PDB file of N, CA and C in Angstrom:
ATOM      1  N   MET A   1      88.025 117.111 122.926  1.00  0.00           N
ATOM      2  CA  MET A   1      88.998 116.149 122.449  1.00  0.00           C
ATOM      3  C   MET A   1      89.098 116.269 120.925  1.00  0.00           C
ATOM      4  N   GLU A   2      90.284 116.369 120.437  1.00  0.00           N
ATOM      5  CA  GLU A   2      90.523 116.522 118.997  1.00  0.00           C
ATOM      6  C   GLU A   2      90.478 115.170 118.308  1.00  0.00           C
ATOM      7  N   ARG A   3      89.726 115.119 117.217  1.00  0.00           N
ATOM      8  CA  ARG A   3      89.660 113.891 116.412  1.00  0.00           C
ATOM      9  C   ARG A   3      90.648 113.995 115.278  1.00  0.00           C
ATOM     10  N   ARG A   4      91.492 113.014 115.172  1.00  0.00           N
ATOM     11  CA  ARG A   4      92.419 112.971 114.048  1.00  0.00           C
ATOM     12  C   ARG A   4      91.946 111.913 113.082  1.00  0.00           C
ATOM     13  N   GLN A   5      91.960 112.277 111.819  1.00  0.00           N
ATOM     14  CA  GLN A   5      91.571 111.303 110.811  1.00  0.00           C
ATOM     15  C   GLN A   5      92.796 110.516 110.390  1.00  0.00           C
ATOM     16  N   SER A   6      92.607 109.225 110.308  1.00  0.00           N
ATOM     17  CA  SER A   6      93.675 108.386 109.775  1.00  0.00           C
ATOM     18  C   SER A   6      93.076 107.589 108.631  1.00  0.00           C
ATOM     19  N   TYR A   7      93.832 107.439 107.606  1.00  0.00           N
ATOM     20  CA  TYR A   7      93.354 106.734 106.427  1.00  0.00           C
ATOM     21  C   TYR A   7      94.118 105.440 106.278  1.00  0.00           C
ATOM     22  N   GLU A   8      93.362 104.366 106.164  1.00  0.00           N
ATOM     23  CA  GLU A   8      93.972 103.068 105.931  1.00  0.00           C
ATOM     24  C   GLU A   8      94.245 102.939 104.447  1.00  0.00           C
ATOM     25  N   PRO A   9      95.295 102.220 104.092  1.00  0.00           N
ATOM     26  CA  PRO A   9      95.531 102.008 102.662  1.00  0.00           C
ATOM     27  C   PRO A   9      94.372 101.223 102.056  1.00  0.00           C
ATOM     28  N   LEU A  10      94.077 101.523 100.812  1.00  0.00           N
ATOM     29  CA  LEU A  10      93.000 100.812 100.124  1.00  0.00           C
ATOM     30  C   LEU A  10      93.405  99.362  99.895  1.00  0.00           C
ATOM     31  N   PRO A  11      92.451  98.453 100.000  1.00  0.00           N
ATOM     32  CA  PRO A  11      92.769  97.042  99.754  1.00  0.00           C
ATOM     33  C   PRO A  11      93.299  96.846  98.337  1.00  0.00           C
ATOM     34  N   SER A  12      94.363  96.108  98.219  1.00  0.00           N
ATOM     35  CA  SER A  12      94.917  95.871  96.893  1.00  0.00           C
ATOM     36  C   SER A  12      94.059  94.868  96.151  1.00  0.00           C
ATOM     37  N   GLY A  13      94.114  94.936  94.833  1.00  0.00           N
ATOM     38  CA  GLY A  13      93.374  93.996  94.009  1.00  0.00           C
ATOM     39  C   GLY A  13      91.933  94.399  93.761  1.00  0.00           C
ATOM     40  N   HIS A  14      91.549  95.604  94.197  1.00  0.00           N
ATOM     41  CA  HIS A  14      90.185  96.069  93.987  1.00  0.00           C
ATOM     42  C   HIS A  14      90.227  97.404  93.253  1.00  0.00           C
ATOM     43  N   SER A  15      89.333  97.562  92.311  1.00  0.00           N
ATOM     44  CA  SER A  15      89.256  98.828  91.588  1.00  0.00           C
ATOM     45  C   SER A  15      88.518  99.851  92.438  1.00  0.00           C
ATOM     46  N   LEU A  16      88.674 101.112  92.085  1.00  0.00           N
ATOM     47  CA  LEU A  16      87.963 102.176  92.778  1.00  0.00           C
ATOM     48  C   LEU A  16      86.454 101.937  92.691  1.00  0.00           C
ATOM     49  N   GLU A  17      85.996 101.494  91.544  1.00  0.00           N
ATOM     50  CA  GLU A  17      84.574 101.224  91.357  1.00  0.00           C
ATOM     51  C   GLU A  17      84.083 100.162  92.335  1.00  0.00           C
ATOM     52  N   GLU A  18      84.854  99.095  92.519  1.00  0.00           N
ATOM     53  CA  GLU A  18      84.464  98.035  93.449  1.00  0.00           C
ATOM     54  C   GLU A  18      84.430  98.545  94.891  1.00  0.00           C
ATOM     55  N   LEU A  19      85.401  99.371  95.254  1.00  0.00           N
ATOM     56  CA  LEU A  19      85.462  99.900  96.608  1.00  0.00           C
ATOM     57  C   LEU A  19      84.290 100.837  96.882  1.00  0.00           C
ATOM     58  N   ILE A  20      83.972 101.696  95.922  1.00  0.00           N
ATOM     59  CA  ILE A  20      82.837 102.613  96.088  1.00  0.00           C
ATOM     60  C   ILE A  20      81.543 101.828  96.163  1.00  0.00           C
ATOM     61  N   GLU A  21      81.402 100.815  95.323  1.00  0.00           N
ATOM     62  CA  GLU A  21      80.182 100.008  95.335  1.00  0.00           C
ATOM     63  C   GLU A  21      80.019  99.295  96.675  1.00  0.00           C
ATOM     64  N   ALA A  22      81.108  98.816  97.265  1.00  0.00           N
ATOM     65  CA  ALA A  22      81.034  98.151  98.570  1.00  0.00           C
ATOM     66  C   ALA A  22      80.567  99.139  99.646  1.00  0.00           C
ATOM     67  N   GLU A  23      81.081 100.364  99.587  1.00  0.00           N
ATOM     68  CA  GLU A  23      80.651 101.377 100.559  1.00  0.00           C
ATOM     69  C   GLU A  23      79.198 101.763 100.344  1.00  0.00           C
ATOM     70  N   ARG A  24      78.767 101.833  99.093  1.00  0.00           N
ATOM     71  CA  ARG A  24      77.356 102.124  98.795  1.00  0.00           C
ATOM     72  C   ARG A  24      76.459 101.032  99.373  1.00  0.00           C
ATOM     73  N   ALA A  25      76.884  99.790  99.249  1.00  0.00           N
ATOM     74  CA  ALA A  25      76.090  98.681  99.790  1.00  0.00           C
ATOM     75  C   ALA A  25      75.984  98.794 101.311  1.00  0.00           C
ATOM     76  N   ASN A  26      77.083  99.120 101.974  1.00  0.00           N
ATOM     77  CA  ASN A  26      77.059  99.299 103.428  1.00  0.00           C
ATOM     78  C   ASN A  26      76.122 100.439 103.822  1.00  0.00           C
ATOM     79  N   LEU A  27      76.219 101.550 103.123  1.00  0.00           N
ATOM     80  CA  LEU A  27      75.363 102.697 103.423  1.00  0.00           C
ATOM     81  C   LEU A  27      73.888 102.369 103.193  1.00  0.00           C
ATOM     82  N   ASN A  28      73.596 101.610 102.143  1.00  0.00           N
ATOM     83  CA  ASN A  28      72.211 101.215 101.885  1.00  0.00           C
ATOM     84  C   ASN A  28      71.659 100.332 103.006  1.00  0.00           C
ATOM     85  N   GLN A  29      72.503  99.465 103.578  1.00  0.00           N
ATOM     86  CA  GLN A  29      72.067  98.635 104.697  1.00  0.00           C
ATOM     87  C   GLN A  29      71.768  99.495 105.923  1.00  0.00           C
ATOM     88  N   VAL A  30      72.631 100.460 106.208  1.00  0.00           N
ATOM     89  CA  VAL A  30      72.414 101.355 107.343  1.00  0.00           C
ATOM     90  C   VAL A  30      71.146 102.179 107.118  1.00  0.00           C
ATOM     91  N   CYS A  31      70.924 102.613 105.900  1.00  0.00           N
ATOM     92  CA  CYS A  31      69.721 103.371 105.569  1.00  0.00           C
ATOM     93  C   CYS A  31      68.477 102.533 105.849  1.00  0.00           C
ATOM     94  N   GLY A  32      68.500 101.280 105.473  1.00  0.00           N
ATOM     95  CA  GLY A  32      67.373 100.392 105.737  1.00  0.00           C
ATOM     96  C   GLY A  32      67.113 100.238 107.225  1.00  0.00           C
ATOM     97  N   MET A  33      68.192 100.130 108.011  1.00  0.00           N
ATOM     98  CA  MET A  33      68.028 100.023 109.461  1.00  0.00           C
ATOM     99  C   MET A  33      67.438 101.306 110.035  1.00  0.00           C
ATOM    100  N   ALA A  34      67.872 102.452 109.546  1.00  0.00           N
ATOM    101  CA  ALA A  34      67.336 103.727 110.033  1.00  0.00           C
ATOM    102  C   ALA A  34      65.849 103.853 109.700  1.00  0.00           C
ATOM    103  N   ARG A  35      65.454 103.368 108.528  1.00  0.00           N
ATOM    104  CA  ARG A  35      64.028 103.410 108.159  1.00  0.00           C
ATOM    105  C   ARG A  35      63.197 102.484 109.056  1.00  0.00           C
ATOM    106  N   CYS A  36      63.730 101.325 109.382  1.00  0.00           N
ATOM    107  CA  CYS A  36      63.026 100.426 110.309  1.00  0.00           C
ATOM    108  C   CYS A  36      62.918 101.067 111.687  1.00  0.00           C
ATOM    109  N   LEU A  37      63.988 101.674 112.135  1.00  0.00           N
ATOM    110  CA  LEU A  37      63.979 102.365 113.424  1.00  0.00           C
ATOM    111  C   LEU A  37      62.943 103.481 113.427  1.00  0.00           C
ATOM    112  N   TYR A  38      62.844 104.206 112.325  1.00  0.00           N
ATOM    113  CA  TYR A  38      61.832 105.261 112.190  1.00  0.00           C
ATOM    114  C   TYR A  38      60.435 104.682 112.388  1.00  0.00           C
ATOM    115  N   ASP A  39      60.142 103.591 111.700  1.00  0.00           N
ATOM    116  CA  ASP A  39      58.817 102.980 111.802  1.00  0.00           C
ATOM    117  C   ASP A  39      58.515 102.515 113.226  1.00  0.00           C
ATOM    118  N   VAL A  40      59.498 101.918 113.877  1.00  0.00           N
ATOM    119  CA  VAL A  40      59.296 101.436 115.246  1.00  0.00           C
ATOM    120  C   VAL A  40      59.062 102.614 116.187  1.00  0.00           C
ATOM    121  N   LEU A  41      59.900 103.641 116.073  1.00  0.00           N
ATOM    122  CA  LEU A  41      59.776 104.776 116.980  1.00  0.00           C
ATOM    123  C   LEU A  41      58.512 105.592 116.742  1.00  0.00           C
ATOM    124  N   LEU A  42      58.066 105.629 115.513  1.00  0.00           N
ATOM    125  CA  LEU A  42      56.886 106.418 115.180  1.00  0.00           C
ATOM    126  C   LEU A  42      55.658 105.947 115.962  1.00  0.00           C
ATOM    127  N   TYR A  43      55.590 104.652 116.241  1.00  0.00           N
ATOM    128  CA  TYR A  43      54.432 104.094 116.927  1.00  0.00           C
ATOM    129  C   TYR A  43      54.732 103.658 118.359  1.00  0.00           C
ATOM    130  N   ALA A  44      55.883 104.065 118.885  1.00  0.00           N
ATOM    131  CA  ALA A  44      56.241 103.716 120.265  1.00  0.00           C
ATOM    132  C   ALA A  44      55.433 104.565 121.246  1.00  0.00           C
ATOM    133  N   ASP A  45      55.320 104.082 122.476  1.00  0.00           N
ATOM    134  CA  ASP A  45      54.540 104.769 123.500  1.00  0.00           C
ATOM    135  C   ASP A  45      55.316 105.874 124.219  1.00  0.00           C
ATOM    136  N   ASP A  46      56.598 105.952 124.023  1.00  0.00           N
ATOM    137  CA  ASP A  46      57.443 106.947 124.689  1.00  0.00           C
ATOM    138  C   ASP A  46      57.059 108.359 124.248  1.00  0.00           C
ATOM    139  N   ASP A  47      57.105 109.304 125.177  1.00  0.00           N
ATOM    140  CA  ASP A  47      56.751 110.690 124.863  1.00  0.00           C
ATOM    141  C   ASP A  47      57.674 111.312 123.815  1.00  0.00           C
ATOM    142  N   ASP A  48      58.932 110.911 123.803  1.00  0.00           N
ATOM    143  CA  ASP A  48      59.903 111.474 122.862  1.00  0.00           C
ATOM    144  C   ASP A  48      60.060 110.632 121.598  1.00  0.00           C
ATOM    145  N   ALA A  49      59.294 109.584 121.464  1.00  0.00           N
ATOM    146  CA  ALA A  49      59.475 108.646 120.349  1.00  0.00           C
ATOM    147  C   ALA A  49      59.296 109.318 118.996  1.00  0.00           C
ATOM    148  N   THR A  50      58.331 110.216 118.880  1.00  0.00           N
ATOM    149  CA  THR A  50      58.102 110.879 117.593  1.00  0.00           C
ATOM    150  C   THR A  50      59.303 111.720 117.201  1.00  0.00           C
ATOM    151  N   MET A  51      59.884 112.428 118.182  1.00  0.00           N
ATOM    152  CA  MET A  51      61.073 113.229 117.901  1.00  0.00           C
ATOM    153  C   MET A  51      62.234 112.319 117.466  1.00  0.00           C
ATOM    154  N   HIS A  52      62.404 111.210 118.167  1.00  0.00           N
ATOM    155  CA  HIS A  52      63.478 110.278 117.814  1.00  0.00           C
ATOM    156  C   HIS A  52      63.230 109.663 116.439  1.00  0.00           C
ATOM    157  N   ALA A  53      61.977 109.413 116.105  1.00  0.00           N
ATOM    158  CA  ALA A  53      61.641 108.881 114.783  1.00  0.00           C
ATOM    159  C   ALA A  53      62.032 109.881 113.703  1.00  0.00           C
ATOM    160  N   ASP A  54      61.797 111.164 113.957  1.00  0.00           N
ATOM    161  CA  ASP A  54      62.188 112.194 112.987  1.00  0.00           C
ATOM    162  C   ASP A  54      63.703 112.224 112.790  1.00  0.00           C
ATOM    163  N   VAL A  55      64.440 112.003 113.864  1.00  0.00           N
ATOM    164  CA  VAL A  55      65.904 111.953 113.758  1.00  0.00           C
ATOM    165  C   VAL A  55      66.323 110.754 112.911  1.00  0.00           C
ATOM    166  N   ALA A  56      65.698 109.605 113.130  1.00  0.00           N
ATOM    167  CA  ALA A  56      66.015 108.411 112.337  1.00  0.00           C
ATOM    168  C   ALA A  56      65.693 108.644 110.863  1.00  0.00           C
ATOM    169  N   LYS A  57      64.585 109.334 110.594  1.00  0.00           N
ATOM    170  CA  LYS A  57      64.213 109.642 109.208  1.00  0.00           C
ATOM    171  C   LYS A  57      65.245 110.561 108.564  1.00  0.00           C
ATOM    172  N   LEU A  58      65.728 111.550 109.318  1.00  0.00           N
ATOM    173  CA  LEU A  58      66.765 112.453 108.809  1.00  0.00           C
ATOM    174  C   LEU A  58      68.055 111.692 108.521  1.00  0.00           C
ATOM    175  N   ILE A  59      68.418 110.779 109.409  1.00  0.00           N
ATOM    176  CA  ILE A  59      69.617 109.958 109.194  1.00  0.00           C
ATOM    177  C   ILE A  59      69.488 109.177 107.889  1.00  0.00           C
ATOM    178  N   ALA A  60      68.336 108.569 107.667  1.00  0.00           N
ATOM    179  CA  ALA A  60      68.111 107.794 106.436  1.00  0.00           C
ATOM    180  C   ALA A  60      68.233 108.692 105.213  1.00  0.00           C
ATOM    181  N   ARG A  61      67.678 109.894 105.279  1.00  0.00           N
ATOM    182  CA  ARG A  61      67.754 110.811 104.137  1.00  0.00           C
ATOM    183  C   ARG A  61      69.194 111.231 103.847  1.00  0.00           C
ATOM    184  N   LEU A  62      69.961 111.524 104.895  1.00  0.00           N
ATOM    185  CA  LEU A  62      71.361 111.913 104.697  1.00  0.00           C
ATOM    186  C   LEU A  62      72.180 110.769 104.115  1.00  0.00           C
ATOM    187  N   ILE A  63      71.897 109.556 104.539  1.00  0.00           N
ATOM    188  CA  ILE A  63      72.595 108.394 103.981  1.00  0.00           C
ATOM    189  C   ILE A  63      72.244 108.236 102.506  1.00  0.00           C
ATOM    190  N   GLU A  64      70.975 108.399 102.169  1.00  0.00           N
ATOM    191  CA  GLU A  64      70.569 108.316 100.760  1.00  0.00           C
ATOM    192  C   GLU A  64      71.289 109.359  99.921  1.00  0.00           C
ATOM    193  N   GLU A  65      71.438 110.566 100.449  1.00  0.00           N
ATOM    194  CA  GLU A  65      72.155 111.618  99.722  1.00  0.00           C
ATOM    195  C   GLU A  65      73.618 111.227  99.512  1.00  0.00           C
ATOM    196  N   SER A  66      74.240 110.605 100.521  1.00  0.00           N
ATOM    197  CA  SER A  66      75.629 110.159 100.383  1.00  0.00           C
ATOM    198  C   SER A  66      75.756 109.067  99.326  1.00  0.00           C
ATOM    199  N   VAL A  67      74.800 108.140  99.315  1.00  0.00           N
ATOM    200  CA  VAL A  67      74.803 107.073  98.303  1.00  0.00           C
ATOM    201  C   VAL A  67      74.666 107.683  96.909  1.00  0.00           C
ATOM    202  N   ASP A  68      73.784 108.656  96.770  1.00  0.00           N
ATOM    203  CA  ASP A  68      73.615 109.330  95.472  1.00  0.00           C
ATOM    204  C   ASP A  68      74.897 110.031  95.045  1.00  0.00           C
ATOM    205  N   GLN A  69      75.577 110.681  95.983  1.00  0.00           N
ATOM    206  CA  GLN A  69      76.833 111.354  95.660  1.00  0.00           C
ATOM    207  C   GLN A  69      77.897 110.348  95.216  1.00  0.00           C
ATOM    208  N   LEU A  70      77.964 109.198  95.884  1.00  0.00           N
ATOM    209  CA  LEU A  70      78.916 108.164  95.483  1.00  0.00           C
ATOM    210  C   LEU A  70      78.622 107.677  94.065  1.00  0.00           C
ATOM    211  N   GLU A  71      77.352 107.570  93.719  1.00  0.00           N
ATOM    212  CA  GLU A  71      76.969 107.160  92.365  1.00  0.00           C
ATOM    213  C   GLU A  71      77.456 108.188  91.346  1.00  0.00           C
ATOM    214  N   LYS A  72      77.292 109.461  91.666  1.00  0.00           N
ATOM    215  CA  LYS A  72      77.760 110.520  90.763  1.00  0.00           C
ATOM    216  C   LYS A  72      79.277 110.480  90.614  1.00  0.00           C
ATOM    217  N   ILE A  73      79.975 110.228  91.711  1.00  0.00           N
ATOM    218  CA  ILE A  73      81.446 110.141  91.653  1.00  0.00           C
ATOM    219  C   ILE A  73      81.867 108.974  90.773  1.00  0.00           C
ATOM    220  N   MET A  74      81.190 107.829  90.919  1.00  0.00           N
ATOM    221  CA  MET A  74      81.524 106.673  90.076  1.00  0.00           C
ATOM    222  C   MET A  74      81.321 106.997  88.609  1.00  0.00           C
ATOM    223  N   LYS A  75      80.225 107.659  88.291  1.00  0.00           N
ATOM    224  CA  LYS A  75      79.958 108.017  86.898  1.00  0.00           C
ATOM    225  C   LYS A  75      81.025 108.959  86.360  1.00  0.00           C
ATOM    226  N   ARG A  76      81.480 109.902  87.171  1.00  0.00           N
ATOM    227  CA  ARG A  76      82.531 110.834  86.732  1.00  0.00           C
ATOM    228  C   ARG A  76      83.840 110.095  86.473  1.00  0.00           C
ATOM    229  N   PHE A  77      84.191 109.142  87.354  1.00  0.00           N
ATOM    230  CA  PHE A  77      85.423 108.379  87.146  1.00  0.00           C
ATOM    231  C   PHE A  77      85.321 107.508  85.904  1.00  0.00           C
ATOM    232  N   LYS A  78      84.161 106.887  85.702  1.00  0.00           N
ATOM    233  CA  LYS A  78      83.984 106.038  84.521  1.00  0.00           C
ATOM    234  C   LYS A  78      84.098 106.848  83.234  1.00  0.00           C
ATOM    235  N   SER A  79      83.632 108.086  83.272  1.00  0.00           N
ATOM    236  CA  SER A  79      83.680 108.917  82.072  1.00  0.00           C
ATOM    237  C   SER A  79      85.050 109.567  81.877  1.00  0.00           C
ATOM    238  N   GLY A  80      85.949 109.426  82.875  1.00  0.00           N
ATOM    239  CA  GLY A  80      87.272 110.035  82.777  1.00  0.00           C
ATOM    240  C   GLY A  80      87.273 111.511  83.118  1.00  0.00           C
ATOM    241  N   GLU A  81      86.188 112.000  83.653  1.00  0.00           N
ATOM    242  CA  GLU A  81      86.043 113.409  83.960  1.00  0.00           C
ATOM    243  C   GLU A  81      86.934 113.860  85.115  1.00  0.00           C
ATOM    244  N   CYS A  82      87.316 112.954  85.996  1.00  0.00           N
ATOM    245  CA  CYS A  82      88.068 113.333  87.191  1.00  0.00           C
ATOM    246  C   CYS A  82      89.559 113.505  86.934  1.00  0.00           C
ATOM    247  N   GLY A  83      90.072 112.934  85.896  1.00  0.00           N
ATOM    248  CA  GLY A  83      91.485 113.089  85.580  1.00  0.00           C
ATOM    249  C   GLY A  83      92.375 112.222  86.449  1.00  0.00           C
ATOM    250  N   PRO A  84      93.703 112.352  86.266  1.00  0.00           N
ATOM    251  CA  PRO A  84      94.645 111.532  87.026  1.00  0.00           C
ATOM    252  C   PRO A  84      94.752 112.009  88.469  1.00  0.00           C
ATOM    253  N   ALA A  85      95.330 111.171  89.312  1.00  0.00           N
ATOM    254  CA  ALA A  85      95.577 111.548  90.699  1.00  0.00           C
ATOM    255  C   ALA A  85      96.514 112.752  90.734  1.00  0.00           C
ATOM    256  N   PRO A  86      96.473 113.577  91.796  1.00  0.00           N
ATOM    257  CA  PRO A  86      97.280 114.793  91.848  1.00  0.00           C
ATOM    258  C   PRO A  86      98.775 114.581  91.649  1.00  0.00           C
ATOM    259  N   ASN A  87      99.316 113.445  92.085  1.00  0.00           N
ATOM    260  CA  ASN A  87     100.746 113.201  91.930  1.00  0.00           C
ATOM    261  C   ASN A  87     101.071 112.387  90.679  1.00  0.00           C
ATOM    262  N   GLN A  88     100.109 112.272  89.762  1.00  0.00           N
ATOM    263  CA  GLN A  88     100.323 111.531  88.529  1.00  0.00           C
ATOM    264  C   GLN A  88     100.180 112.456  87.328  1.00  0.00           C
ATOM    265  N   ALA A  89     101.109 112.371  86.409  1.00  0.00           N
ATOM    266  CA  ALA A  89     100.990 113.115  85.158  1.00  0.00           C
ATOM    267  C   ALA A  89      99.971 112.392  84.284  1.00  0.00           C
ATOM    268  N   SER A  90      99.519 113.039  83.244  1.00  0.00           N
ATOM    269  CA  SER A  90      98.510 112.431  82.381  1.00  0.00           C
ATOM    270  C   SER A  90      99.005 111.148  81.718  1.00  0.00           C
ATOM    271  N   ASP A  91     100.335 110.986  81.618  1.00  0.00           N
ATOM    272  CA  ASP A  91     100.868 109.763  81.024  1.00  0.00           C
ATOM    273  C   ASP A  91     101.091 108.665  82.057  1.00  0.00           C
ATOM    274  N   GLY A  92     100.697 108.931  83.336  1.00  0.00           N
ATOM    275  CA  GLY A  92     100.818 107.925  84.380  1.00  0.00           C
ATOM    276  C   GLY A  92     102.112 108.002  85.156  1.00  0.00           C
ATOM    277  N   ALA A  93     103.055 108.866  84.773  1.00  0.00           N
ATOM    278  CA  ALA A  93     104.327 108.979  85.458  1.00  0.00           C
ATOM    279  C   ALA A  93     104.130 109.734  86.776  1.00  0.00           C
ATOM    280  N   ASP A  94     104.863 109.305  87.819  1.00  0.00           N
ATOM    281  CA  ASP A  94     104.786 109.952  89.116  1.00  0.00           C
ATOM    282  C   ASP A  94     105.504 111.298  89.032  1.00  0.00           C
ATOM    283  N   THR A  95     104.849 112.371  89.507  1.00  0.00           N
ATOM    284  CA  THR A  95     105.440 113.702  89.445  1.00  0.00           C
ATOM    285  C   THR A  95     106.148 114.075  90.736  1.00  0.00           C
ATOM    286  N   GLY A  96     106.276 113.129  91.660  1.00  0.00           N
ATOM    287  CA  GLY A  96     107.001 113.401  92.888  1.00  0.00           C
ATOM    288  C   GLY A  96     106.161 114.059  93.961  1.00  0.00           C
ATOM    289  N   GLY A  97     104.875 113.996  93.830  1.00  0.00           N
ATOM    290  CA  GLY A  97     103.990 114.581  94.822  1.00  0.00           C
ATOM    291  C   GLY A  97     104.039 113.793  96.119  1.00  0.00           C
ATOM    292  N   PRO A  98     103.291 114.254  97.105  1.00  0.00           N
ATOM    293  CA  PRO A  98     103.295 113.555  98.397  1.00  0.00           C
ATOM    294  C   PRO A  98     102.746 112.150  98.260  1.00  0.00           C
ATOM    295  N   VAL A  99     103.303 111.260  99.043  1.00  0.00           N
ATOM    296  CA  VAL A  99     102.880 109.871  99.040  1.00  0.00           C
ATOM    297  C   VAL A  99     101.957 109.669 100.217  1.00  0.00           C
ATOM    298  N   SER A 100     100.806 109.044 100.013  1.00  0.00           N
ATOM    299  CA  SER A 100      99.850 108.820 101.110  1.00  0.00           C
ATOM    300  C   SER A 100     100.185 107.562 101.828  1.00  0.00           C
TER     301      SER A 100
END
């Protein structure tokens, strides 16, 4: 089955920094849950529990890496390193690019 990505419009009234920070907070919560799951599975009596605990630990590590990447992206935007959006000229005028 083919997965199609659809993008919802960003909530109005929020800066990119606020939106990224909200996603970082969500990811940090999921990371915490994965770490708790790791601890529970590590000491479970199930024969496969140790393997499942390792999977939970990997999930937590990947989430941490994503949070770190979001932090780097925020720093780049704050420093102006990323530049204008592709359909925006440096003076803010729309260049007629595709509309999302």
